[in-house]
């Protein structure tokens, strides 16, 4: 029994010695290939596997100077001398001078500018002719129709609107304008009285505040049907109404 135990112990000791010798030979052999190791997924070539590579920025060179950026210089535009404009000529001619009547402001003829005459005419019957003549030194305008009354009448007689001219009659010094006065009219109805009377004076209002009173021709008879025309350039035109 004792022999059997020692015989079995010897091979076990020999095997352990052989394994120990093999391990020593492997560690001392420089040509032996190193045992493979598993690399960490974060490891990079030549770097510590526990740290990540950080990009580095080169420090600026203190000896190098950089010129500051300069904004481009703007060249101011050249100023062009503006030609001097001559003043526009006045559209209003001097009084008494010629020119476009449409460009001249109207200047009504007043009692100070004109002479007024009331005269009897043969044709048509029952008419008077009113004549105004510019005796002043400036041009004036015979506006509309005169407001005509007789003696001490308060209301002016009727104006014949059908006699209105196409343009205002403008009178240069020495020129005349004309209006006709219809002295009597037809009665308004059978048996009506026209209240006629013989007058001695004719009152002519050239404007609302400018009146002249002139003698009426002898035997001038007027009634409620009396009327006056607008001022006309020609006497013949005035006597058509």
Protein backbone atom coordinates (compact mmCIF):
# COMPACT_ATOMS: atom_id res chain seq x y z
CA UNK A 1 0.00 0.00 0.00
CA UNK A 2 2.71 2.57 0.75
CA UNK A 3 4.54 1.79 -2.52
CA UNK A 4 1.56 2.55 -4.62
CA UNK A 5 1.11 6.01 -3.18
CA UNK A 6 4.71 7.11 -3.85
CA UNK A 7 4.58 5.74 -7.38
CA UNK A 8 1.59 7.99 -8.16
CA UNK A 9 3.13 11.09 -6.50
CA UNK A 10 6.25 11.00 -8.60
CA UNK A 11 4.65 11.52 -11.99
CA UNK A 12 2.62 14.43 -10.59
CA UNK A 13 5.72 16.17 -9.33
CA UNK A 14 7.49 15.63 -12.64
CA UNK A 15 4.59 17.14 -14.57
CA UNK A 16 4.58 20.26 -12.39
CA UNK A 17 8.32 20.70 -12.89
CA UNK A 18 7.95 20.40 -16.66
CA UNK A 19 5.22 23.05 -16.80
CA UNK A 20 7.31 25.44 -14.68
CA UNK A 21 10.30 25.02 -17.00
CA UNK A 22 8.19 25.71 -20.06
CA UNK A 23 6.87 28.95 -18.55
CA UNK A 24 10.36 30.19 -17.76
CA UNK A 25 11.55 29.47 -21.27
CA UNK A 26 8.64 31.37 -22.76
CA UNK A 27 9.25 34.50 -20.67
CA UNK A 28 12.97 34.58 -21.37
CA UNK A 29 12.78 34.00 -25.14
CA UNK A 30 13.08 37.38 -26.90
CA UNK A 31 11.79 35.97 -30.19
CA UNK A 32 8.58 34.79 -28.71
CA UNK A 33 5.49 36.61 -29.99
CA UNK A 34 3.72 38.66 -27.38
CA UNK A 35 0.38 37.52 -26.26
CA UNK A 36 -2.49 39.27 -28.04
CA UNK A 37 -4.33 41.88 -26.05
CA UNK A 38 -7.67 43.46 -26.75
CA UNK A 39 -7.39 47.18 -27.49
CA UNK A 40 -9.84 49.60 -25.98
CA UNK A 41 -12.17 51.17 -28.57
CA UNK A 42 -11.16 54.65 -27.32
CA UNK A 43 -7.36 53.93 -27.76
CA UNK A 44 -5.59 55.80 -30.60
CA UNK A 45 -2.15 55.16 -32.02
CA UNK A 46 0.59 56.20 -29.56
CA UNK A 47 -1.87 57.76 -27.12
CA UNK A 48 -3.06 56.95 -23.66
CA UNK A 49 -6.24 54.87 -24.04
CA UNK A 50 -7.77 56.64 -21.03
CA UNK A 51 -7.66 60.13 -22.62
CA UNK A 52 -9.10 61.51 -25.84
CA UNK A 53 -7.00 63.41 -28.35
CA UNK A 54 -7.74 67.17 -28.19
CA UNK A 55 -6.99 69.36 -31.24
CA UNK A 56 -4.50 72.06 -30.48
CA UNK A 57 -4.47 75.59 -31.82
CA UNK A 58 -1.21 77.21 -32.71
CA UNK A 59 -0.46 80.26 -30.56
CA UNK A 60 -0.21 83.52 -32.47
CA UNK A 61 3.26 84.72 -33.28
CA UNK A 62 3.87 87.83 -31.13
CA UNK A 63 6.48 89.12 -33.62
CA UNK A 64 3.98 89.23 -36.47
CA UNK A 65 1.73 92.29 -36.79
CA UNK A 66 -1.45 92.50 -38.76
CA UNK A 67 -2.50 95.77 -40.35
CA UNK A 68 -6.00 96.86 -39.25
CA UNK A 69 -8.71 96.62 -41.86
CA UNK A 70 -9.38 99.97 -43.45
CA UNK A 71 -12.78 100.87 -44.93
CA UNK A 72 -12.62 101.99 -48.56
CA UNK A 73 -12.59 105.74 -48.94
CA UNK A 74 -15.63 107.11 -50.76
CA UNK A 75 -14.98 109.86 -53.23
CA UNK A 76 -17.65 112.59 -52.85
CA UNK A 77 -19.58 113.26 -56.09
CA UNK A 78 -18.57 116.30 -58.00
CA UNK A 79 -20.97 119.19 -57.64
CA UNK A 80 -22.24 120.55 -60.91
CA UNK A 81 -22.92 124.23 -61.02
CA UNK A 82 -26.65 124.78 -61.56
CA UNK A 83 -27.41 127.37 -64.20
CA UNK A 84 -29.19 130.41 -62.91
CA UNK A 85 -32.74 130.53 -64.18
CA UNK A 86 -33.98 133.82 -65.49
CA UNK A 87 -37.21 134.99 -63.85
CA UNK A 88 -40.31 134.19 -65.84
CA UNK A 89 -41.83 137.22 -67.53
CA UNK A 90 -44.96 138.57 -65.95
CA UNK A 91 -48.16 137.44 -67.63
CA UNK A 92 -49.88 140.71 -66.75
CA UNK A 93 -49.07 143.54 -69.17
CA UNK A 94 -48.84 147.09 -67.93
CA UNK A 95 -52.02 149.14 -67.99
CA UNK A 96 -52.66 150.54 -71.42
CA UNK A 97 -50.23 148.09 -73.06
CA UNK A 98 -51.16 145.29 -75.43
CA UNK A 99 -51.09 141.61 -74.51
CA UNK A 100 -53.18 138.52 -74.10
CA UNK A 101 -56.51 139.56 -72.53
CA UNK A 102 -56.94 136.11 -70.98
CA UNK A 103 -53.71 136.53 -69.00
CA UNK A 104 -54.62 139.96 -67.63
CA UNK A 105 -56.84 140.15 -64.54
CA UNK A 106 -60.13 141.91 -65.19
CA UNK A 107 -60.39 145.55 -64.14
CA UNK A 108 -63.98 146.83 -64.20
CA UNK A 109 -64.63 150.23 -65.75
CA UNK A 110 -65.82 152.69 -63.08
CA UNK A 111 -67.32 156.16 -63.10
CA UNK A 112 -63.80 157.58 -62.78
CA UNK A 113 -62.64 155.80 -65.95
CA UNK A 114 -65.40 156.54 -68.46
CA UNK A 115 -67.76 159.13 -69.88
CA UNK A 116 -71.43 158.05 -70.19
CA UNK A 117 -73.88 159.37 -72.83
CA UNK A 118 -77.58 158.47 -73.33
CA UNK A 119 -78.83 159.24 -76.85
CA UNK A 120 -82.04 158.69 -78.85
CA UNK A 121 -81.94 156.53 -81.97
CA UNK A 122 -84.33 156.43 -84.94
CA UNK A 123 -84.24 152.68 -85.35
CA UNK A 124 -85.45 150.65 -83.62
CA UNK A 125 -88.23 152.78 -82.15
CA UNK A 126 -88.61 153.21 -78.38
CA UNK A 127 -84.89 152.68 -77.79
CA UNK A 128 -82.05 154.62 -76.26
CA UNK A 129 -78.35 154.00 -76.84
CA UNK A 130 -75.93 154.08 -73.92
CA UNK A 131 -72.30 154.81 -74.78
CA UNK A 132 -69.31 154.60 -72.41
CA UNK A 133 -65.89 155.85 -73.50
CA UNK A 134 -62.66 155.15 -71.62
CA UNK A 135 -61.29 158.59 -70.77
CA UNK A 136 -58.65 157.32 -68.36
CA UNK A 137 -55.05 156.29 -68.94
CA UNK A 138 -55.52 152.59 -68.19
CA UNK A 139 -57.33 149.67 -69.81
CA UNK A 140 -60.62 148.68 -68.19
CA UNK A 141 -63.37 146.12 -68.80
CA UNK A 142 -67.06 146.79 -69.43
CA UNK A 143 -68.39 143.96 -67.30
CA UNK A 144 -71.83 142.44 -67.79
CA UNK A 145 -74.73 144.81 -68.25
CA UNK A 146 -75.27 148.20 -66.64
CA UNK A 147 -77.89 148.60 -63.91
CA UNK A 148 -80.19 151.28 -65.29
CA UNK A 149 -82.85 153.38 -63.54
CA UNK A 150 -84.69 156.65 -64.24
CA UNK A 151 -85.19 159.76 -62.13
CA UNK A 152 -86.01 158.63 -58.60
CA UNK A 153 -86.73 154.97 -59.32
CA UNK A 154 -85.48 152.55 -56.71
CA UNK A 155 -85.25 149.30 -58.68
CA UNK A 156 -83.23 148.83 -61.90
CA UNK A 157 -84.93 147.75 -65.10
CA UNK A 158 -84.77 144.21 -66.49
CA UNK A 159 -81.59 142.90 -68.17
CA UNK A 160 -82.00 141.14 -71.55
CA UNK A 161 -80.06 137.93 -70.92
CA UNK A 162 -80.24 136.93 -74.59
CA UNK A 163 -77.86 139.80 -75.36
CA UNK A 164 -74.94 138.37 -73.36
CA UNK A 165 -71.76 138.47 -75.53
CA UNK A 166 -69.24 135.63 -75.83
CA UNK A 167 -66.45 137.69 -74.27
CA UNK A 168 -66.02 140.67 -71.98
CA UNK A 169 -65.58 143.97 -73.81
CA UNK A 170 -62.16 145.43 -72.95
CA UNK A 171 -61.61 149.14 -73.48
CA UNK A 172 -58.22 150.67 -74.06
CA UNK A 173 -58.00 154.44 -73.49
CA UNK A 174 -60.25 156.20 -76.04
CA UNK A 175 -62.32 153.08 -76.93
CA UNK A 176 -66.10 152.77 -76.41
CA UNK A 177 -68.73 150.13 -75.56
CA UNK A 178 -72.49 150.22 -76.18
CA UNK A 179 -75.76 149.04 -74.63
CA UNK A 180 -79.34 149.51 -75.82
CA UNK A 181 -82.29 150.49 -73.60
CA UNK A 182 -85.74 149.27 -74.57
CA UNK A 183 -88.03 152.04 -73.23
CA UNK A 184 -91.47 150.44 -73.39
CA UNK A 185 -92.85 146.94 -73.44
CA UNK A 186 -96.13 145.18 -74.09
CA UNK A 187 -98.68 145.07 -71.25
CA UNK A 188 -98.77 141.86 -69.29
CA UNK A 189 -102.43 141.31 -70.15
CA UNK A 190 -105.51 142.96 -71.60
CA UNK A 191 -106.45 146.13 -69.74
CA UNK A 192 -103.30 146.24 -67.64
CA UNK A 193 -101.55 149.56 -67.10
CA UNK A 194 -97.84 149.73 -67.85
CA UNK A 195 -97.37 152.74 -65.56
CA UNK A 196 -95.54 154.80 -68.15
CA UNK A 197 -93.96 158.19 -67.50
CA UNK A 198 -91.67 160.74 -69.08
CA UNK A 199 -88.23 160.91 -67.46
CA UNK A 200 -85.45 163.47 -67.40
CA UNK A 201 -82.46 161.53 -66.12
CA UNK A 202 -80.90 158.13 -66.66
CA UNK A 203 -78.93 156.49 -63.81
CA UNK A 204 -76.20 154.10 -64.98
CA UNK A 205 -74.50 151.82 -62.47
CA UNK A 206 -71.27 150.51 -64.00
CA UNK A 207 -70.58 148.43 -60.89
CA UNK A 208 -72.48 147.92 -57.67
CA UNK A 209 -70.85 150.98 -56.09
CA UNK A 210 -70.07 153.15 -59.12
CA UNK A 211 -72.92 155.12 -60.68
CA UNK A 212 -73.24 158.00 -63.10
CA UNK A 213 -76.39 160.02 -63.72
CA UNK A 214 -76.76 161.58 -67.20
CA UNK A 215 -79.53 163.64 -68.89
CA UNK A 216 -82.19 161.70 -70.79
CA UNK A 217 -83.05 162.84 -74.34
CA UNK A 218 -86.05 165.20 -74.39
CA UNK A 219 -89.40 163.40 -74.37
CA UNK A 220 -88.03 160.03 -73.18
CA UNK A 221 -91.03 157.93 -72.18
CA UNK A 222 -90.57 154.68 -70.23
CA UNK A 223 -92.85 152.11 -68.66
CA UNK A 224 -92.66 148.91 -66.63
CA UNK A 225 -91.53 146.92 -69.70
CA UNK A 226 -88.19 148.78 -70.00
CA UNK A 227 -85.03 146.61 -70.32
CA UNK A 228 -81.31 146.99 -71.04
CA UNK A 229 -78.77 144.87 -72.96
CA UNK A 230 -75.24 143.75 -72.07
CA UNK A 231 -72.31 145.91 -73.14
CA UNK A 232 -71.34 145.27 -76.78
CA UNK A 233 -68.29 146.12 -78.85
CA UNK A 234 -70.36 147.66 -81.68
CA UNK A 235 -73.44 149.91 -81.57
CA UNK A 236 -75.15 147.85 -84.27
CA UNK A 237 -74.85 144.74 -82.12
CA UNK A 238 -76.42 146.51 -79.13
CA UNK A 239 -79.39 147.83 -81.12
CA UNK A 240 -80.41 144.33 -82.20
CA UNK A 241 -82.07 143.87 -78.81
